[in-house]
N, C-alpha and C. Protein backbone atom coordinates (compact mmCIF):
# COMPACT_ATOMS: atom_id res chain seq x y z
N UNK A 1 81.60 136.07 65.36
CA UNK A 1 82.80 135.76 66.10
C UNK A 1 83.50 137.06 66.49
N UNK A 2 83.91 137.20 67.73
CA UNK A 2 84.59 138.43 68.18
C UNK A 2 85.92 138.63 67.46
N UNK A 3 86.33 139.86 67.40
CA UNK A 3 87.60 140.21 66.77
C UNK A 3 88.70 140.22 67.82
N UNK A 4 89.83 139.64 67.49
CA UNK A 4 90.97 139.61 68.39
C UNK A 4 91.66 140.98 68.43
N UNK A 5 92.19 141.33 69.60
CA UNK A 5 92.92 142.59 69.75
C UNK A 5 94.07 142.68 68.76
N UNK A 6 94.73 141.58 68.51
CA UNK A 6 95.86 141.58 67.58
C UNK A 6 95.43 141.95 66.16
N UNK A 7 94.22 141.58 65.77
CA UNK A 7 93.70 141.92 64.45
C UNK A 7 93.38 143.42 64.37
N UNK A 8 92.82 143.96 65.44
CA UNK A 8 92.55 145.40 65.50
C UNK A 8 93.86 146.16 65.33
N UNK A 9 94.87 145.76 66.09
CA UNK A 9 96.17 146.43 66.02
C UNK A 9 96.77 146.29 64.61
N UNK A 10 96.67 145.12 64.02
CA UNK A 10 97.20 144.90 62.67
C UNK A 10 96.55 145.83 61.66
N UNK A 11 95.24 145.96 61.70
CA UNK A 11 94.53 146.82 60.76
C UNK A 11 94.93 148.29 60.93
N UNK A 12 95.06 148.72 62.18
CA UNK A 12 95.44 150.11 62.45
C UNK A 12 96.88 150.36 62.01
N UNK A 13 97.77 149.42 62.32
CA UNK A 13 99.18 149.57 61.95
C UNK A 13 99.37 149.52 60.43
N UNK A 14 98.52 148.76 59.73
CA UNK A 14 98.59 148.74 58.27
C UNK A 14 98.30 150.13 57.70
N UNK A 15 97.35 150.83 58.32
CA UNK A 15 96.98 152.17 57.86
C UNK A 15 97.94 153.24 58.35
N UNK A 16 98.46 153.05 59.56
CA UNK A 16 99.34 154.04 60.20
C UNK A 16 100.58 153.32 60.74
N UNK A 17 101.56 153.01 59.90
CA UNK A 17 102.71 152.20 60.31
C UNK A 17 103.49 152.76 61.50
N UNK A 18 103.48 154.08 61.68
CA UNK A 18 104.24 154.68 62.78
C UNK A 18 103.42 154.77 64.07
N UNK A 19 102.21 154.30 64.06
CA UNK A 19 101.29 154.50 65.19
C UNK A 19 101.72 153.72 66.43
N UNK A 20 101.46 154.35 67.55
CA UNK A 20 101.53 153.67 68.85
C UNK A 20 100.09 153.23 69.14
N UNK A 21 99.88 151.94 69.29
CA UNK A 21 98.54 151.39 69.49
C UNK A 21 98.52 150.60 70.79
N UNK A 22 97.60 150.95 71.68
CA UNK A 22 97.41 150.22 72.93
C UNK A 22 95.96 149.80 73.00
N UNK A 23 95.74 148.50 73.16
CA UNK A 23 94.38 147.97 73.17
C UNK A 23 94.14 147.22 74.48
N UNK A 24 92.99 147.47 75.06
CA UNK A 24 92.59 146.80 76.30
C UNK A 24 91.23 146.14 76.08
N UNK A 25 91.15 144.85 76.41
CA UNK A 25 89.88 144.12 76.36
C UNK A 25 89.14 144.44 77.65
N UNK A 26 88.10 145.26 77.57
CA UNK A 26 87.44 145.80 78.75
C UNK A 26 86.69 144.76 79.57
N UNK A 27 86.15 143.74 78.91
CA UNK A 27 85.35 142.74 79.63
C UNK A 27 85.93 141.34 79.55
N UNK A 28 87.01 141.19 78.83
CA UNK A 28 87.59 139.86 78.67
C UNK A 28 86.80 138.98 77.73
N UNK A 29 85.92 139.58 76.94
CA UNK A 29 85.05 138.80 76.06
C UNK A 29 85.41 138.94 74.58
N UNK A 30 86.45 139.73 74.27
CA UNK A 30 86.84 139.92 72.88
C UNK A 30 85.83 140.73 72.08
N UNK A 31 84.94 141.41 72.78
CA UNK A 31 83.86 142.14 72.11
C UNK A 31 83.81 143.62 72.49
N UNK A 32 84.47 143.99 73.59
CA UNK A 32 84.43 145.36 74.09
C UNK A 32 85.86 145.81 74.38
N UNK A 33 86.35 146.71 73.55
CA UNK A 33 87.73 147.16 73.66
C UNK A 33 87.83 148.66 73.91
N UNK A 34 88.95 149.04 74.53
CA UNK A 34 89.39 150.43 74.58
C UNK A 34 90.67 150.47 73.77
N UNK A 35 90.83 151.49 72.97
CA UNK A 35 92.00 151.58 72.10
C UNK A 35 92.52 153.01 72.09
N UNK A 36 93.84 153.13 72.28
CA UNK A 36 94.50 154.43 72.19
C UNK A 36 95.44 154.38 71.01
N UNK A 37 95.31 155.36 70.11
CA UNK A 37 96.15 155.42 68.91
C UNK A 37 96.80 156.79 68.85
N UNK A 38 98.13 156.80 68.77
CA UNK A 38 98.89 158.03 68.58
C UNK A 38 99.62 157.88 67.25
N UNK A 39 99.33 158.80 66.32
CA UNK A 39 99.92 158.68 64.98
C UNK A 39 100.22 160.05 64.39
N UNK A 40 101.30 160.12 63.66
CA UNK A 40 101.70 161.35 62.98
C UNK A 40 100.63 161.80 61.99
N UNK A 41 99.92 160.86 61.40
CA UNK A 41 98.88 161.18 60.42
C UNK A 41 97.76 162.03 61.01
N UNK A 42 97.67 162.08 62.33
CA UNK A 42 96.61 162.84 62.99
C UNK A 42 96.95 164.32 63.17
N UNK A 43 98.18 164.71 62.88
CA UNK A 43 98.58 166.10 63.04
C UNK A 43 97.67 166.99 62.19
N UNK A 44 97.11 168.03 62.82
CA UNK A 44 96.27 168.98 62.13
C UNK A 44 94.84 168.51 61.90
N UNK A 45 94.51 167.33 62.37
CA UNK A 45 93.16 166.78 62.20
C UNK A 45 92.37 166.96 63.49
N UNK A 46 91.06 167.16 63.34
CA UNK A 46 90.19 167.24 64.51
C UNK A 46 90.03 165.84 65.11
N UNK A 47 89.54 165.77 66.31
CA UNK A 47 89.31 164.47 66.96
C UNK A 47 88.35 163.62 66.13
N UNK A 48 87.31 164.25 65.60
CA UNK A 48 86.34 163.52 64.77
C UNK A 48 87.03 162.96 63.52
N UNK A 49 87.86 163.76 62.88
CA UNK A 49 88.58 163.29 61.70
C UNK A 49 89.52 162.13 62.04
N UNK A 50 90.19 162.23 63.18
CA UNK A 50 91.08 161.16 63.63
C UNK A 50 90.31 159.86 63.82
N UNK A 51 89.17 159.95 64.47
CA UNK A 51 88.35 158.75 64.70
C UNK A 51 87.85 158.18 63.38
N UNK A 52 87.45 159.05 62.46
CA UNK A 52 87.00 158.58 61.15
C UNK A 52 88.11 157.84 60.42
N UNK A 53 89.34 158.32 60.57
CA UNK A 53 90.49 157.67 59.94
C UNK A 53 90.70 156.26 60.51
N UNK A 54 90.55 156.12 61.82
CA UNK A 54 90.71 154.81 62.44
C UNK A 54 89.57 153.88 62.01
N UNK A 55 88.34 154.38 62.01
CA UNK A 55 87.21 153.56 61.58
C UNK A 55 87.40 153.09 60.13
N UNK A 56 87.93 153.96 59.29
CA UNK A 56 88.20 153.58 57.90
C UNK A 56 89.25 152.47 57.86
N UNK A 57 90.27 152.57 58.71
CA UNK A 57 91.31 151.54 58.77
C UNK A 57 90.73 150.19 59.19
N UNK A 58 89.67 150.22 59.98
CA UNK A 58 89.04 148.99 60.46
C UNK A 58 88.15 148.36 59.38
N UNK A 59 87.99 149.03 58.28
CA UNK A 59 87.33 148.46 57.11
C UNK A 59 85.89 148.03 57.30
N UNK A 60 85.11 148.82 58.00
CA UNK A 60 83.69 148.50 58.16
C UNK A 60 83.38 147.42 59.17
N UNK A 61 84.35 147.06 59.99
CA UNK A 61 84.12 146.00 60.97
C UNK A 61 83.39 146.48 62.23
N UNK A 62 83.36 147.81 62.44
CA UNK A 62 82.64 148.35 63.60
C UNK A 62 81.16 148.00 63.50
N UNK A 63 80.60 147.51 64.60
CA UNK A 63 79.20 147.15 64.63
C UNK A 63 78.94 145.74 64.15
N UNK A 64 79.96 145.11 63.59
CA UNK A 64 79.84 143.73 63.13
C UNK A 64 80.76 142.85 63.96
N UNK A 65 81.91 142.51 63.38
CA UNK A 65 82.92 141.74 64.10
C UNK A 65 83.36 142.44 65.38
N UNK A 66 83.43 143.75 65.29
CA UNK A 66 83.89 144.57 66.41
C UNK A 66 82.69 145.30 66.99
N UNK A 67 82.23 144.82 68.13
CA UNK A 67 80.99 145.32 68.71
C UNK A 67 81.15 146.71 69.34
N UNK A 68 82.16 146.89 70.19
CA UNK A 68 82.31 148.16 70.90
C UNK A 68 83.80 148.52 71.00
N UNK A 69 84.10 149.78 70.68
CA UNK A 69 85.47 150.27 70.74
C UNK A 69 85.46 151.69 71.30
N UNK A 70 85.98 151.83 72.51
CA UNK A 70 86.16 153.15 73.10
C UNK A 70 87.50 153.67 72.57
N UNK A 71 87.45 154.70 71.77
CA UNK A 71 88.62 155.14 71.01
C UNK A 71 89.16 156.47 71.54
N UNK A 72 90.48 156.51 71.75
CA UNK A 72 91.18 157.74 72.07
C UNK A 72 92.28 157.90 71.03
N UNK A 73 92.32 159.06 70.41
CA UNK A 73 93.34 159.32 69.38
C UNK A 73 94.04 160.63 69.66
N UNK A 74 95.29 160.71 69.18
CA UNK A 74 96.02 161.97 69.27
C UNK A 74 97.23 161.91 68.36
N UNK A 75 97.75 163.09 68.08
CA UNK A 75 99.01 163.21 67.35
C UNK A 75 100.14 163.16 68.39
N UNK A 76 101.33 162.74 67.99
CA UNK A 76 102.45 162.71 68.93
C UNK A 76 102.80 164.12 69.42
N UNK A 77 103.28 164.18 70.62
CA UNK A 77 103.75 165.44 71.17
C UNK A 77 105.27 165.43 71.17
N UNK A 78 105.85 166.59 71.11
CA UNK A 78 107.33 166.70 71.10
C UNK A 78 107.80 167.10 72.48
N UNK A 79 107.70 166.19 73.42
CA UNK A 79 108.16 166.47 74.80
C UNK A 79 109.60 166.11 74.96
């Protein structure tokens, strides 16, 4: 069964309460998402480390319930 965007956001927000999370269902099938996460926890982390942190927050659902996730991460900027 596909994972709902709201569940993805919930899992990410549980791990990063201050995060700005934007999710787009790329095909309308609940199986292919694009996700942008901006979180303070990413400060000083490489892009790979940031992605690993998000995958950890998803609790092993990648490749199972969650088939495809195009992920963009960053730390907040002080503009």
